[in-house]
Amino acid sequence: MALFSQLGRYSNFGLLVMRAGLGAMMIVHGLPKLTHPEKWADLGAAMGNLHVHFFPAFWGFMCALTETVGGLFCILGLWFRLVSLLMLFNFFVAALSHIYGGDGIAEAAHAIELCFVFFGFLFVGPGSYSVDRS
């Protein structure tokens, strides 16, 4: 359609919008986890699905830190591909936790969708409007 034919020129702006929106939502989800250390062990227990059973509080802290600080870095486009890889791993573990916990695919869908988003971001990069400009 002619109406949308020129939007390709604004793909870097589109990436900025996606990064900013997704990064903000990651901060919204991660900050409550980061500020409640008593929940870190329960959160980190999800690593048990990968047969990692040691230091669950550490893994819970890393999950919360990845979502919160990673969300900020996502907005800025700072170390974007590394952040995307860490977020991909984070949501892969979350998806496994839902599936192995008996919640089913419907409950795991959000985490699976975010896995695809961050996997795609690994290839696309942050775009021109970023601190990295990689």
N, C-alpha and C. Protein backbone atom coordinates (compact mmCIF):
# COMPACT_ATOMS: atom_id res chain seq x y z
N MET A 1 0.83 -1.18 0.00
CA MET A 1 0.00 0.00 0.00
C MET A 1 0.88 1.25 0.00
N ALA A 2 0.48 2.21 -0.73
CA ALA A 2 1.24 3.45 -0.85
C ALA A 2 1.33 4.18 0.49
N LEU A 3 0.30 4.03 1.30
CA LEU A 3 0.26 4.71 2.59
C LEU A 3 1.44 4.28 3.48
N PHE A 4 1.80 3.02 3.42
CA PHE A 4 2.84 2.49 4.29
C PHE A 4 4.20 2.33 3.60
N SER A 5 4.31 2.65 2.36
CA SER A 5 5.53 2.39 1.60
C SER A 5 6.72 3.21 2.09
N GLN A 6 6.49 4.33 2.70
CA GLN A 6 7.60 5.18 3.16
C GLN A 6 8.03 4.90 4.59
N LEU A 7 7.31 4.04 5.29
CA LEU A 7 7.64 3.78 6.69
C LEU A 7 8.97 3.06 6.86
N GLY A 8 9.46 2.39 5.84
CA GLY A 8 10.75 1.72 5.92
C GLY A 8 11.89 2.67 6.23
N ARG A 9 11.71 3.92 5.89
CA ARG A 9 12.74 4.92 6.18
C ARG A 9 12.87 5.19 7.68
N TYR A 10 11.88 4.79 8.42
CA TYR A 10 11.83 5.08 9.86
C TYR A 10 12.04 3.82 10.70
N SER A 11 12.73 2.83 10.16
CA SER A 11 12.91 1.58 10.89
C SER A 11 13.74 1.78 12.17
N ASN A 12 14.69 2.70 12.15
CA ASN A 12 15.46 2.97 13.38
C ASN A 12 14.58 3.60 14.45
N PHE A 13 13.65 4.45 14.05
CA PHE A 13 12.70 5.00 15.01
C PHE A 13 11.81 3.89 15.55
N GLY A 14 11.39 2.96 14.69
CA GLY A 14 10.59 1.82 15.13
C GLY A 14 11.32 0.98 16.16
N LEU A 15 12.62 0.76 15.93
CA LEU A 15 13.42 0.01 16.91
C LEU A 15 13.51 0.76 18.23
N LEU A 16 13.64 2.08 18.17
CA LEU A 16 13.67 2.88 19.39
C LEU A 16 12.37 2.73 20.17
N VAL A 17 11.25 2.80 19.48
CA VAL A 17 9.95 2.66 20.13
C VAL A 17 9.82 1.28 20.77
N MET A 18 10.24 0.25 20.03
CA MET A 18 10.17 -1.11 20.58
C MET A 18 11.09 -1.27 21.79
N ARG A 19 12.31 -0.76 21.67
CA ARG A 19 13.26 -0.85 22.79
C ARG A 19 12.74 -0.11 24.01
N ALA A 20 12.23 1.10 23.80
CA ALA A 20 11.76 1.92 24.93
C ALA A 20 10.55 1.29 25.60
N GLY A 21 9.61 0.84 24.82
CA GLY A 21 8.41 0.22 25.40
C GLY A 21 8.71 -1.07 26.12
N LEU A 22 9.47 -1.93 25.48
CA LEU A 22 9.81 -3.21 26.09
C LEU A 22 10.71 -3.02 27.30
N GLY A 23 11.69 -2.11 27.19
CA GLY A 23 12.58 -1.84 28.31
C GLY A 23 11.83 -1.30 29.52
N ALA A 24 10.88 -0.40 29.27
CA ALA A 24 10.08 0.15 30.38
C ALA A 24 9.27 -0.94 31.06
N MET A 25 8.70 -1.84 30.28
CA MET A 25 7.92 -2.92 30.87
C MET A 25 8.82 -3.91 31.63
N MET A 26 10.05 -4.11 31.17
CA MET A 26 10.97 -4.97 31.89
C MET A 26 11.31 -4.36 33.25
N ILE A 27 11.47 -3.04 33.29
CA ILE A 27 11.73 -2.37 34.57
C ILE A 27 10.53 -2.52 35.49
N VAL A 28 9.34 -2.37 34.96
CA VAL A 28 8.11 -2.51 35.75
C VAL A 28 8.01 -3.92 36.35
N HIS A 29 8.39 -4.93 35.57
CA HIS A 29 8.33 -6.30 36.06
C HIS A 29 9.51 -6.65 36.96
N GLY A 30 10.68 -6.08 36.68
CA GLY A 30 11.88 -6.46 37.42
C GLY A 30 12.08 -5.74 38.73
N LEU A 31 11.68 -4.48 38.82
CA LEU A 31 11.94 -3.69 40.02
C LEU A 31 11.30 -4.28 41.28
N PRO A 32 10.05 -4.73 41.23
CA PRO A 32 9.49 -5.36 42.45
C PRO A 32 10.26 -6.63 42.86
N LYS A 33 10.78 -7.35 41.88
CA LYS A 33 11.57 -8.54 42.20
C LYS A 33 12.90 -8.14 42.84
N LEU A 34 13.49 -7.07 42.34
CA LEU A 34 14.78 -6.62 42.84
C LEU A 34 14.69 -6.05 44.25
N THR A 35 13.58 -5.42 44.57
CA THR A 35 13.43 -4.76 45.87
C THR A 35 12.87 -5.67 46.96
N HIS A 36 12.63 -6.93 46.65
CA HIS A 36 12.13 -7.88 47.64
C HIS A 36 13.06 -9.10 47.71
N PRO A 37 14.19 -8.96 48.41
CA PRO A 37 15.17 -10.06 48.46
C PRO A 37 14.62 -11.36 49.04
N GLU A 38 13.56 -11.27 49.83
CA GLU A 38 13.00 -12.49 50.42
C GLU A 38 12.39 -13.41 49.35
N LYS A 39 12.15 -12.89 48.15
CA LYS A 39 11.58 -13.69 47.06
C LYS A 39 12.63 -14.25 46.10
N TRP A 40 13.89 -13.87 46.28
CA TRP A 40 14.92 -14.27 45.34
C TRP A 40 15.11 -15.78 45.27
N ALA A 41 15.08 -16.45 46.41
CA ALA A 41 15.30 -17.90 46.42
C ALA A 41 14.19 -18.62 45.66
N ASP A 42 12.95 -18.21 45.85
CA ASP A 42 11.84 -18.83 45.12
C ASP A 42 11.97 -18.58 43.62
N LEU A 43 12.35 -17.37 43.28
CA LEU A 43 12.52 -17.01 41.87
C LEU A 43 13.67 -17.80 41.25
N GLY A 44 14.76 -17.90 41.98
CA GLY A 44 15.94 -18.62 41.48
C GLY A 44 15.78 -20.12 41.43
N ALA A 45 14.80 -20.64 42.14
CA ALA A 45 14.55 -22.08 42.12
C ALA A 45 14.16 -22.55 40.72
N ALA A 46 13.74 -21.64 39.87
CA ALA A 46 13.39 -22.00 38.49
C ALA A 46 14.58 -22.56 37.73
N MET A 47 15.79 -22.22 38.18
CA MET A 47 16.99 -22.76 37.54
C MET A 47 17.09 -24.27 37.73
N GLY A 48 16.34 -24.79 38.69
CA GLY A 48 16.29 -26.23 38.90
C GLY A 48 15.80 -26.98 37.67
N ASN A 49 15.03 -26.32 36.83
CA ASN A 49 14.57 -26.94 35.58
C ASN A 49 15.73 -27.19 34.62
N LEU A 50 16.84 -26.52 34.84
CA LEU A 50 18.06 -26.75 34.06
C LEU A 50 19.08 -27.54 34.87
N HIS A 51 18.61 -28.14 35.97
CA HIS A 51 19.43 -28.94 36.88
C HIS A 51 20.51 -28.11 37.57
N VAL A 52 20.21 -26.85 37.80
CA VAL A 52 21.10 -25.98 38.56
C VAL A 52 20.38 -25.72 39.89
N HIS A 53 20.84 -26.38 40.93
CA HIS A 53 20.13 -26.31 42.21
C HIS A 53 20.89 -25.54 43.29
N PHE A 54 22.07 -25.03 42.97
CA PHE A 54 22.85 -24.33 43.98
C PHE A 54 22.59 -22.83 43.91
N PHE A 55 22.67 -22.16 45.04
CA PHE A 55 22.52 -20.72 45.19
C PHE A 55 21.26 -20.16 44.54
N PRO A 56 20.08 -20.65 44.90
CA PRO A 56 18.86 -20.15 44.26
C PRO A 56 18.64 -18.65 44.49
N ALA A 57 19.05 -18.14 45.65
CA ALA A 57 18.87 -16.70 45.91
C ALA A 57 19.73 -15.87 44.95
N PHE A 58 20.92 -16.36 44.63
CA PHE A 58 21.77 -15.67 43.67
C PHE A 58 21.11 -15.63 42.30
N TRP A 59 20.56 -16.75 41.85
CA TRP A 59 19.92 -16.79 40.54
C TRP A 59 18.66 -15.93 40.51
N GLY A 60 17.95 -15.88 41.61
CA GLY A 60 16.78 -15.00 41.69
C GLY A 60 17.18 -13.54 41.62
N PHE A 61 18.26 -13.20 42.31
CA PHE A 61 18.78 -11.84 42.22
C PHE A 61 19.21 -11.51 40.80
N MET A 62 19.89 -12.43 40.14
CA MET A 62 20.34 -12.20 38.77
C MET A 62 19.16 -12.03 37.82
N CYS A 63 18.11 -12.77 38.03
CA CYS A 63 16.90 -12.63 37.22
C CYS A 63 16.32 -11.23 37.39
N ALA A 64 16.18 -10.80 38.64
CA ALA A 64 15.62 -9.47 38.93
C ALA A 64 16.52 -8.37 38.39
N LEU A 65 17.81 -8.53 38.55
CA LEU A 65 18.77 -7.54 38.05
C LEU A 65 18.75 -7.47 36.52
N THR A 66 18.68 -8.63 35.90
CA THR A 66 18.63 -8.67 34.43
C THR A 66 17.40 -7.94 33.92
N GLU A 67 16.25 -8.20 34.52
CA GLU A 67 15.02 -7.53 34.06
C GLU A 67 15.08 -6.03 34.32
N THR A 68 15.55 -5.62 35.48
CA THR A 68 15.52 -4.20 35.84
C THR A 68 16.59 -3.40 35.11
N VAL A 69 17.84 -3.76 35.32
CA VAL A 69 18.94 -3.03 34.69
C VAL A 69 18.95 -3.30 33.19
N GLY A 70 18.65 -4.53 32.82
CA GLY A 70 18.56 -4.86 31.40
C GLY A 70 17.48 -4.04 30.71
N GLY A 71 16.38 -3.79 31.40
CA GLY A 71 15.33 -2.94 30.84
C GLY A 71 15.82 -1.52 30.58
N LEU A 72 16.59 -0.99 31.53
CA LEU A 72 17.16 0.35 31.36
C LEU A 72 18.14 0.37 30.19
N PHE A 73 19.00 -0.64 30.13
CA PHE A 73 19.97 -0.71 29.04
C PHE A 73 19.28 -0.93 27.70
N CYS A 74 18.18 -1.64 27.72
CA CYS A 74 17.40 -1.83 26.50
C CYS A 74 16.88 -0.49 25.99
N ILE A 75 16.37 0.32 26.88
CA ILE A 75 15.88 1.66 26.50
C ILE A 75 17.01 2.48 25.90
N LEU A 76 18.16 2.46 26.55
CA LEU A 76 19.31 3.25 26.10
C LEU A 76 19.99 2.66 24.87
N GLY A 77 19.80 1.37 24.64
CA GLY A 77 20.52 0.70 23.57
C GLY A 77 21.96 0.45 23.95
N LEU A 78 22.23 0.34 25.24
CA LEU A 78 23.58 0.13 25.75
C LEU A 78 23.82 -1.37 25.92
N TRP A 79 24.92 -1.87 25.34
CA TRP A 79 25.24 -3.29 25.38
C TRP A 79 24.02 -4.12 24.97
N PHE A 80 23.38 -3.68 23.93
CA PHE A 80 22.06 -4.18 23.57
C PHE A 80 22.04 -5.66 23.24
N ARG A 81 23.01 -6.12 22.49
CA ARG A 81 22.99 -7.54 22.11
C ARG A 81 23.28 -8.44 23.32
N LEU A 82 24.15 -8.01 24.20
CA LEU A 82 24.40 -8.77 25.43
C LEU A 82 23.14 -8.81 26.29
N VAL A 83 22.50 -7.66 26.44
CA VAL A 83 21.25 -7.59 27.20
C VAL A 83 20.19 -8.49 26.58
N SER A 84 20.11 -8.48 25.25
CA SER A 84 19.13 -9.33 24.57
C SER A 84 19.40 -10.81 24.85
N LEU A 85 20.67 -11.19 24.86
CA LEU A 85 21.02 -12.58 25.15
C LEU A 85 20.65 -12.95 26.58
N LEU A 86 20.94 -12.06 27.53
CA LEU A 86 20.59 -12.33 28.93
C LEU A 86 19.08 -12.39 29.14
N MET A 87 18.36 -11.50 28.47
CA MET A 87 16.89 -11.52 28.57
C MET A 87 16.33 -12.78 27.92
N LEU A 88 16.90 -13.19 26.81
CA LEU A 88 16.47 -14.42 26.15
C LEU A 88 16.62 -15.59 27.10
N PHE A 89 17.76 -15.69 27.76
CA PHE A 89 17.98 -16.77 28.72
C PHE A 89 17.00 -16.66 29.89
N ASN A 90 16.80 -15.46 30.39
CA ASN A 90 15.90 -15.22 31.51
C ASN A 90 14.49 -15.72 31.20
N PHE A 91 13.99 -15.38 30.02
CA PHE A 91 12.62 -15.77 29.68
C PHE A 91 12.53 -17.21 29.21
N PHE A 92 13.63 -17.78 28.75
CA PHE A 92 13.65 -19.21 28.46
C PHE A 92 13.46 -19.99 29.76
N VAL A 93 14.17 -19.58 30.80
CA VAL A 93 14.03 -20.23 32.10
C VAL A 93 12.61 -20.01 32.64
N ALA A 94 12.07 -18.82 32.46
CA ALA A 94 10.70 -18.55 32.91
C ALA A 94 9.69 -19.44 32.18
N ALA A 95 9.87 -19.60 30.87
CA ALA A 95 8.97 -20.46 30.10
C ALA A 95 9.06 -21.90 30.58
N LEU A 96 10.28 -22.39 30.80
CA LEU A 96 10.45 -23.75 31.32
C LEU A 96 9.79 -23.90 32.68
N SER A 97 9.92 -22.88 33.51
CA SER A 97 9.32 -22.92 34.83
C SER A 97 7.80 -23.07 34.76
N HIS A 98 7.19 -22.36 33.85
CA HIS A 98 5.74 -22.48 33.67
C HIS A 98 5.36 -23.85 33.13
N ILE A 99 6.08 -24.30 32.13
CA ILE A 99 5.74 -25.57 31.50
C ILE A 99 5.95 -26.74 32.45
N TYR A 100 7.14 -26.79 33.09
CA TYR A 100 7.42 -27.89 34.02
C TYR A 100 6.62 -27.77 35.30
N GLY A 101 6.16 -26.58 35.61
CA GLY A 101 5.33 -26.39 36.80
C GLY A 101 3.88 -26.80 36.59
N GLY A 102 3.55 -27.24 35.39
CA GLY A 102 2.20 -27.71 35.11
C GLY A 102 1.24 -26.62 34.69
N ASP A 103 1.75 -25.43 34.43
CA ASP A 103 0.87 -24.33 34.04
C ASP A 103 0.38 -24.45 32.60
N GLY A 104 1.14 -25.13 31.78
CA GLY A 104 0.75 -25.30 30.38
C GLY A 104 1.29 -24.19 29.49
N ILE A 105 1.08 -24.37 28.22
CA ILE A 105 1.62 -23.46 27.22
C ILE A 105 0.96 -22.08 27.28
N ALA A 106 -0.29 -22.02 27.68
CA ALA A 106 -0.98 -20.74 27.75
C ALA A 106 -0.35 -19.81 28.78
N GLU A 107 0.05 -20.36 29.91
CA GLU A 107 0.70 -19.56 30.95
C GLU A 107 2.13 -19.22 30.57
N ALA A 108 2.77 -20.07 29.79
CA ALA A 108 4.15 -19.84 29.37
C ALA A 108 4.23 -18.95 28.14
N ALA A 109 3.11 -18.65 27.52
CA ALA A 109 3.10 -17.94 26.24
C ALA A 109 3.81 -16.59 26.30
N HIS A 110 3.61 -15.82 27.35
CA HIS A 110 4.23 -14.50 27.46
C HIS A 110 5.76 -14.63 27.48
N ALA A 111 6.26 -15.55 28.26
CA ALA A 111 7.71 -15.77 28.33
C ALA A 111 8.24 -16.27 26.99
N ILE A 112 7.51 -17.14 26.33
CA ILE A 112 7.94 -17.66 25.03
C ILE A 112 7.96 -16.54 23.99
N GLU A 113 6.94 -15.70 24.01
CA GLU A 113 6.89 -14.56 23.08
C GLU A 113 8.10 -13.65 23.28
N LEU A 114 8.43 -13.38 24.53
CA LEU A 114 9.59 -12.52 24.81
C LEU A 114 10.90 -13.19 24.40
N CYS A 115 10.95 -14.52 24.47
CA CYS A 115 12.13 -15.23 23.95
C CYS A 115 12.32 -14.92 22.46
N PHE A 116 11.24 -14.98 21.71
CA PHE A 116 11.33 -14.69 20.28
C PHE A 116 11.71 -13.24 20.02
N VAL A 117 11.17 -12.33 20.81
CA VAL A 117 11.50 -10.90 20.64
C VAL A 117 12.98 -10.67 20.88
N PHE A 118 13.50 -11.15 21.99
CA PHE A 118 14.91 -10.91 22.31
C PHE A 118 15.84 -11.70 21.39
N PHE A 119 15.39 -12.85 20.89
CA PHE A 119 16.19 -13.58 19.91
C PHE A 119 16.29 -12.75 18.61
N GLY A 120 15.19 -12.16 18.20
CA GLY A 120 15.21 -11.29 17.02
C GLY A 120 16.08 -10.07 17.23
N PHE A 121 16.02 -9.48 18.42
CA PHE A 121 16.84 -8.31 18.74
C PHE A 121 18.34 -8.62 18.64
N LEU A 122 18.72 -9.87 18.92
CA LEU A 122 20.12 -10.26 18.79
C LEU A 122 20.62 -10.00 17.37
N PHE A 123 19.78 -10.27 16.39
CA PHE A 123 20.16 -10.13 15.00
C PHE A 123 19.98 -8.70 14.49
N VAL A 124 18.93 -8.04 14.92
CA VAL A 124 18.59 -6.72 14.40
C VAL A 124 19.47 -5.64 15.01
N GLY A 125 19.77 -5.77 16.30
CA GLY A 125 20.55 -4.73 16.98
C GLY A 125 19.66 -3.59 17.43
N PRO A 126 20.27 -2.57 18.05
CA PRO A 126 19.48 -1.50 18.65
C PRO A 126 19.04 -0.42 17.68
N GLY A 127 19.61 -0.37 16.49
CA GLY A 127 19.29 0.69 15.55
C GLY A 127 20.19 1.90 15.78
N SER A 128 19.95 2.93 15.01
CA SER A 128 20.81 4.12 15.05
C SER A 128 20.63 4.98 16.29
N TYR A 129 19.42 4.98 16.84
CA TYR A 129 19.15 5.83 18.00
C TYR A 129 19.45 5.08 19.28
N SER A 130 20.73 4.83 19.52
CA SER A 130 21.13 4.09 20.72
C SER A 130 22.49 4.59 21.17
N VAL A 131 22.82 4.27 22.40
CA VAL A 131 24.12 4.64 22.94
C VAL A 131 25.21 3.84 22.24
N ASP A 132 24.94 2.56 21.98
CA ASP A 132 25.92 1.68 21.35
C ASP A 132 26.17 1.98 19.88
N ARG A 133 25.10 2.15 19.14
CA ARG A 133 25.16 2.29 17.68
C ARG A 133 25.92 1.15 17.04
N SER A 134 25.63 -0.08 17.53
CA SER A 134 26.36 -1.25 17.03
C SER A 134 25.77 -1.74 15.73
